[in-house]
Amino acid sequence: VAVLPVVAAAGAAVSACGPTTDEER
């Protein structure tokens, strides 16, 4: 249970690094 927030935060950070549709366009 203690690891879940860390994994969720890491996943959100990684997905935020990719370009958005507007940036791609």
PDB file of all heavy atoms in Angstrom:
ATOM      1  N   VAL A   1       0.841  -1.197   0.000  1.00  0.00           N
ATOM      2  CA  VAL A   1       0.000   0.000   0.000  1.00  0.00           C
ATOM      3  C   VAL A   1       0.876   1.247   0.000  1.00  0.00           C
ATOM      4  O   VAL A   1       0.552   2.245  -0.640  1.00  0.00           O
ATOM      5  CB  VAL A   1      -0.963  -0.022   1.205  1.00  0.00           C
ATOM      6  CG1 VAL A   1      -1.677   1.291   1.375  1.00  0.00           C
ATOM      7  CG2 VAL A   1      -1.962  -1.157   1.046  1.00  0.00           C
ATOM      8  N   ALA A   2       1.997   1.225   0.689  1.00  0.00           N
ATOM      9  CA  ALA A   2       2.882   2.388   0.747  1.00  0.00           C
ATOM     10  C   ALA A   2       3.520   2.675  -0.606  1.00  0.00           C
ATOM     11  O   ALA A   2       3.817   3.830  -0.928  1.00  0.00           O
ATOM     12  CB  ALA A   2       3.963   2.158   1.797  1.00  0.00           C
ATOM     13  N   VAL A   3       3.719   1.658  -1.414  1.00  0.00           N
ATOM     14  CA  VAL A   3       4.358   1.831  -2.713  1.00  0.00           C
ATOM     15  C   VAL A   3       3.379   2.394  -3.755  1.00  0.00           C
ATOM     16  O   VAL A   3       3.780   3.076  -4.694  1.00  0.00           O
ATOM     17  CB  VAL A   3       4.963   0.488  -3.183  1.00  0.00           C
ATOM     18  CG1 VAL A   3       5.434   0.549  -4.615  1.00  0.00           C
ATOM     19  CG2 VAL A   3       6.095   0.079  -2.263  1.00  0.00           C
ATOM     20  N   LEU A   4       2.116   2.151  -3.628  1.00  0.00           N
ATOM     21  CA  LEU A   4       1.128   2.571  -4.634  1.00  0.00           C
ATOM     22  C   LEU A   4       1.172   4.069  -4.959  1.00  0.00           C
ATOM     23  O   LEU A   4       1.167   4.432  -6.137  1.00  0.00           O
ATOM     24  CB  LEU A   4      -0.279   2.152  -4.211  1.00  0.00           C
ATOM     25  CG  LEU A   4      -0.575   0.661  -4.348  1.00  0.00           C
ATOM     26  CD1 LEU A   4      -1.965   0.349  -3.824  1.00  0.00           C
ATOM     27  CD2 LEU A   4      -0.424   0.217  -5.776  1.00  0.00           C
ATOM     28  N   PRO A   5       1.217   4.977  -3.978  1.00  0.00           N
ATOM     29  CA  PRO A   5       1.272   6.405  -4.339  1.00  0.00           C
ATOM     30  C   PRO A   5       2.535   6.767  -5.123  1.00  0.00           C
ATOM     31  O   PRO A   5       2.492   7.599  -6.027  1.00  0.00           O
ATOM     32  CB  PRO A   5       1.239   7.124  -2.990  1.00  0.00           C
ATOM     33  CG  PRO A   5       0.678   6.151  -2.028  1.00  0.00           C
ATOM     34  CD  PRO A   5       1.055   4.797  -2.540  1.00  0.00           C
ATOM     35  N   VAL A   6       3.645   6.132  -4.793  1.00  0.00           N
ATOM     36  CA  VAL A   6       4.898   6.402  -5.508  1.00  0.00           C
ATOM     37  C   VAL A   6       4.777   5.948  -6.957  1.00  0.00           C
ATOM     38  O   VAL A   6       5.161   6.656  -7.886  1.00  0.00           O
ATOM     39  CB  VAL A   6       6.085   5.706  -4.803  1.00  0.00           C
ATOM     40  CG1 VAL A   6       7.355   5.849  -5.619  1.00  0.00           C
ATOM     41  CG2 VAL A   6       6.261   6.259  -3.406  1.00  0.00           C
ATOM     42  N   VAL A   7       4.220   4.765  -7.175  1.00  0.00           N
ATOM     43  CA  VAL A   7       4.040   4.249  -8.533  1.00  0.00           C
ATOM     44  C   VAL A   7       3.079   5.134  -9.309  1.00  0.00           C
ATOM     45  O   VAL A   7       3.315   5.471 -10.478  1.00  0.00           O
ATOM     46  CB  VAL A   7       3.549   2.781  -8.487  1.00  0.00           C
ATOM     47  CG1 VAL A   7       3.126   2.294  -9.858  1.00  0.00           C
ATOM     48  CG2 VAL A   7       4.622   1.888  -7.901  1.00  0.00           C
ATOM     49  N   ALA A   8       1.997   5.557  -8.682  1.00  0.00           N
ATOM     50  CA  ALA A   8       1.025   6.422  -9.358  1.00  0.00           C
ATOM     51  C   ALA A   8       1.652   7.762  -9.716  1.00  0.00           C
ATOM     52  O   ALA A   8       1.449   8.287 -10.824  1.00  0.00           O
ATOM     53  CB  ALA A   8      -0.197   6.621  -8.479  1.00  0.00           C
ATOM     54  N   ALA A   9       2.422   8.343  -8.828  1.00  0.00           N
ATOM     55  CA  ALA A   9       3.071   9.626  -9.102  1.00  0.00           C
ATOM     56  C   ALA A   9       4.096   9.488 -10.223  1.00  0.00           C
ATOM     57  O   ALA A   9       4.206  10.355 -11.095  1.00  0.00           O
ATOM     58  CB  ALA A   9       3.738  10.164  -7.841  1.00  0.00           C
ATOM     59  N   ALA A  10       4.850   8.411 -10.226  1.00  0.00           N
ATOM     60  CA  ALA A  10       5.839   8.177 -11.287  1.00  0.00           C
ATOM     61  C   ALA A  10       5.145   8.023 -12.633  1.00  0.00           C
ATOM     62  O   ALA A  10       5.585   8.560 -13.647  1.00  0.00           O
ATOM     63  CB  ALA A  10       6.686   6.960 -10.971  1.00  0.00           C
ATOM     64  N   GLY A  11       4.054   7.293 -12.665  1.00  0.00           N
ATOM     65  CA  GLY A  11       3.303   7.121 -13.911  1.00  0.00           C
ATOM     66  C   GLY A  11       2.773   8.445 -14.425  1.00  0.00           C
ATOM     67  O   GLY A  11       2.830   8.735 -15.619  1.00  0.00           O
ATOM     68  N   ALA A  12       2.269   9.282 -13.545  1.00  0.00           N
ATOM     69  CA  ALA A  12       1.753  10.588 -13.950  1.00  0.00           C
ATOM     70  C   ALA A  12       2.886  11.474 -14.465  1.00  0.00           C
ATOM     71  O   ALA A  12       2.722  12.194 -15.449  1.00  0.00           O
ATOM     72  CB  ALA A  12       1.050  11.258 -12.774  1.00  0.00           C
ATOM     73  N   ALA A  13       4.033  11.412 -13.817  1.00  0.00           N
ATOM     74  CA  ALA A  13       5.164  12.230 -14.246  1.00  0.00           C
ATOM     75  C   ALA A  13       5.662  11.802 -15.615  1.00  0.00           C
ATOM     76  O   ALA A  13       5.980  12.643 -16.469  1.00  0.00           O
ATOM     77  CB  ALA A  13       6.292  12.148 -13.224  1.00  0.00           C
ATOM     78  N   VAL A  14       5.721  10.502 -15.854  1.00  0.00           N
ATOM     79  CA  VAL A  14       6.184  10.008 -17.148  1.00  0.00           C
ATOM     80  C   VAL A  14       5.209  10.385 -18.248  1.00  0.00           C
ATOM     81  O   VAL A  14       5.592  10.836 -19.318  1.00  0.00           O
ATOM     82  CB  VAL A  14       6.402   8.475 -17.100  1.00  0.00           C
ATOM     83  CG1 VAL A  14       6.598   7.907 -18.492  1.00  0.00           C
ATOM     84  CG2 VAL A  14       7.591   8.152 -16.216  1.00  0.00           C
ATOM     85  N   SER A  15       3.929  10.260 -18.004  1.00  0.00           N
ATOM     86  CA  SER A  15       2.953  10.605 -19.034  1.00  0.00           C
ATOM     87  C   SER A  15       2.920  12.101 -19.293  1.00  0.00           C
ATOM     88  O   SER A  15       2.593  12.534 -20.393  1.00  0.00           O
ATOM     89  CB  SER A  15       1.566  10.086 -18.671  1.00  0.00           C
ATOM     90  OG  SER A  15       1.075  10.775 -17.544  1.00  0.00           O
ATOM     91  N   ALA A  16       3.267  12.911 -18.310  1.00  0.00           N
ATOM     92  CA  ALA A  16       3.284  14.361 -18.500  1.00  0.00           C
ATOM     93  C   ALA A  16       4.463  14.811 -19.348  1.00  0.00           C
ATOM     94  O   ALA A  16       4.458  15.909 -19.889  1.00  0.00           O
ATOM     95  CB  ALA A  16       3.334  15.064 -17.148  1.00  0.00           C
ATOM     96  N   CYS A  17       5.468  13.972 -19.505  1.00  0.00           N
ATOM     97  CA  CYS A  17       6.648  14.336 -20.279  1.00  0.00           C
ATOM     98  C   CYS A  17       6.415  14.253 -21.785  1.00  0.00           C
ATOM     99  O   CYS A  17       7.119  14.867 -22.552  1.00  0.00           O
ATOM    100  CB  CYS A  17       7.830  13.433 -19.912  1.00  0.00           C
ATOM    101  SG  CYS A  17       8.405  13.693 -18.238  1.00  0.00           S
ATOM    102  N   GLY A  18       5.473  13.482 -22.226  1.00  0.00           N
ATOM    103  CA  GLY A  18       5.219  13.310 -23.655  1.00  0.00           C
ATOM    104  C   GLY A  18       4.492  14.510 -24.233  1.00  0.00           C
ATOM    105  O   GLY A  18       3.852  15.278 -23.518  1.00  0.00           O
ATOM    106  N   PRO A  19       4.595  14.692 -25.545  1.00  0.00           N
ATOM    107  CA  PRO A  19       3.924  15.830 -26.167  1.00  0.00           C
ATOM    108  C   PRO A  19       2.408  15.645 -26.175  1.00  0.00           C
ATOM    109  O   PRO A  19       1.903  14.527 -26.254  1.00  0.00           O
ATOM    110  CB  PRO A  19       4.474  15.823 -27.594  1.00  0.00           C
ATOM    111  CG  PRO A  19       4.925  14.428 -27.825  1.00  0.00           C
ATOM    112  CD  PRO A  19       5.323  13.893 -26.483  1.00  0.00           C
ATOM    113  N   THR A  20       1.712  16.759 -26.077  1.00  0.00           N
ATOM    114  CA  THR A  20       0.261  16.714 -26.164  1.00  0.00           C
ATOM    115  C   THR A  20      -0.141  16.820 -27.623  1.00  0.00           C
ATOM    116  O   THR A  20       0.677  17.119 -28.492  1.00  0.00           O
ATOM    117  CB  THR A  20      -0.359  17.880 -25.376  1.00  0.00           C
ATOM    118  OG1 THR A  20       0.024  19.108 -26.008  1.00  0.00           O
ATOM    119  CG2 THR A  20       0.070  17.871 -23.925  1.00  0.00           C
ATOM    120  N   THR A  21      -1.399  16.618 -27.889  1.00  0.00           N
ATOM    121  CA  THR A  21      -1.891  16.695 -29.269  1.00  0.00           C
ATOM    122  C   THR A  21      -1.640  18.082 -29.852  1.00  0.00           C
ATOM    123  O   THR A  21      -1.256  18.204 -31.016  1.00  0.00           O
ATOM    124  CB  THR A  21      -3.389  16.342 -29.307  1.00  0.00           C
ATOM    125  OG1 THR A  21      -3.544  15.054 -28.744  1.00  0.00           O
ATOM    126  CG2 THR A  21      -3.912  16.346 -30.711  1.00  0.00           C
ATOM    127  N   ASP A  22      -1.842  19.131 -29.066  1.00  0.00           N
ATOM    128  CA  ASP A  22      -1.595  20.495 -29.559  1.00  0.00           C
ATOM    129  C   ASP A  22      -0.121  20.698 -29.899  1.00  0.00           C
ATOM    130  O   ASP A  22       0.204  21.312 -30.913  1.00  0.00           O
ATOM    131  CB  ASP A  22      -2.031  21.541 -28.522  1.00  0.00           C
ATOM    132  CG  ASP A  22      -3.541  21.615 -28.379  1.00  0.00           C
ATOM    133  OD1 ASP A  22      -4.254  21.157 -29.295  1.00  0.00           O
ATOM    134  OD2 ASP A  22      -4.001  22.141 -27.348  1.00  0.00           O
ATOM    135  N   GLU A  23       0.766  20.183 -29.060  1.00  0.00           N
ATOM    136  CA  GLU A  23       2.198  20.306 -29.331  1.00  0.00           C
ATOM    137  C   GLU A  23       2.578  19.535 -30.578  1.00  0.00           C
ATOM    138  O   GLU A  23       3.391  20.002 -31.384  1.00  0.00           O
ATOM    139  CB  GLU A  23       3.014  19.813 -28.134  1.00  0.00           C
ATOM    140  CG  GLU A  23       2.917  20.710 -26.917  1.00  0.00           C
ATOM    141  CD  GLU A  23       3.516  20.074 -25.678  1.00  0.00           C
ATOM    142  OE1 GLU A  23       3.688  18.838 -25.653  1.00  0.00           O
ATOM    143  OE2 GLU A  23       3.800  20.817 -24.731  1.00  0.00           O
ATOM    144  N   GLU A  24       2.005  18.371 -30.758  1.00  0.00           N
ATOM    145  CA  GLU A  24       2.285  17.569 -31.950  1.00  0.00           C
ATOM    146  C   GLU A  24       1.801  18.289 -33.202  1.00  0.00           C
ATOM    147  O   GLU A  24       2.491  18.327 -34.217  1.00  0.00           O
ATOM    148  CB  GLU A  24       1.620  16.190 -31.835  1.00  0.00           C
ATOM    149  CG  GLU A  24       2.246  15.316 -30.774  1.00  0.00           C
ATOM    150  CD  GLU A  24       1.430  14.086 -30.457  1.00  0.00           C
ATOM    151  OE1 GLU A  24       0.214  14.070 -30.749  1.00  0.00           O
ATOM    152  OE2 GLU A  24       2.013  13.135 -29.903  1.00  0.00           O
ATOM    153  N   ARG A  25       0.604  18.854 -33.128  1.00  0.00           N
ATOM    154  CA  ARG A  25       0.064  19.584 -34.277  1.00  0.00           C
ATOM    155  C   ARG A  25       0.945  20.793 -34.598  1.00  0.00           C
ATOM    156  O   ARG A  25       1.259  21.047 -35.765  1.00  0.00           O
ATOM    157  CB  ARG A  25      -1.373  20.031 -33.998  1.00  0.00           C
ATOM    158  CG  ARG A  25      -2.022  20.710 -35.216  1.00  0.00           C
ATOM    159  CD  ARG A  25      -3.323  21.419 -34.892  1.00  0.00           C
ATOM    160  NE  ARG A  25      -3.042  22.553 -34.025  1.00  0.00           N
ATOM    161  CZ  ARG A  25      -3.515  22.712 -32.793  1.00  0.00           C
ATOM    162  NH1 ARG A  25      -4.304  21.820 -32.257  1.00  0.00           N
ATOM    163  NH2 ARG A  25      -3.204  23.774 -32.077  1.00  0.00           N
TER     164      ARG A  25
END
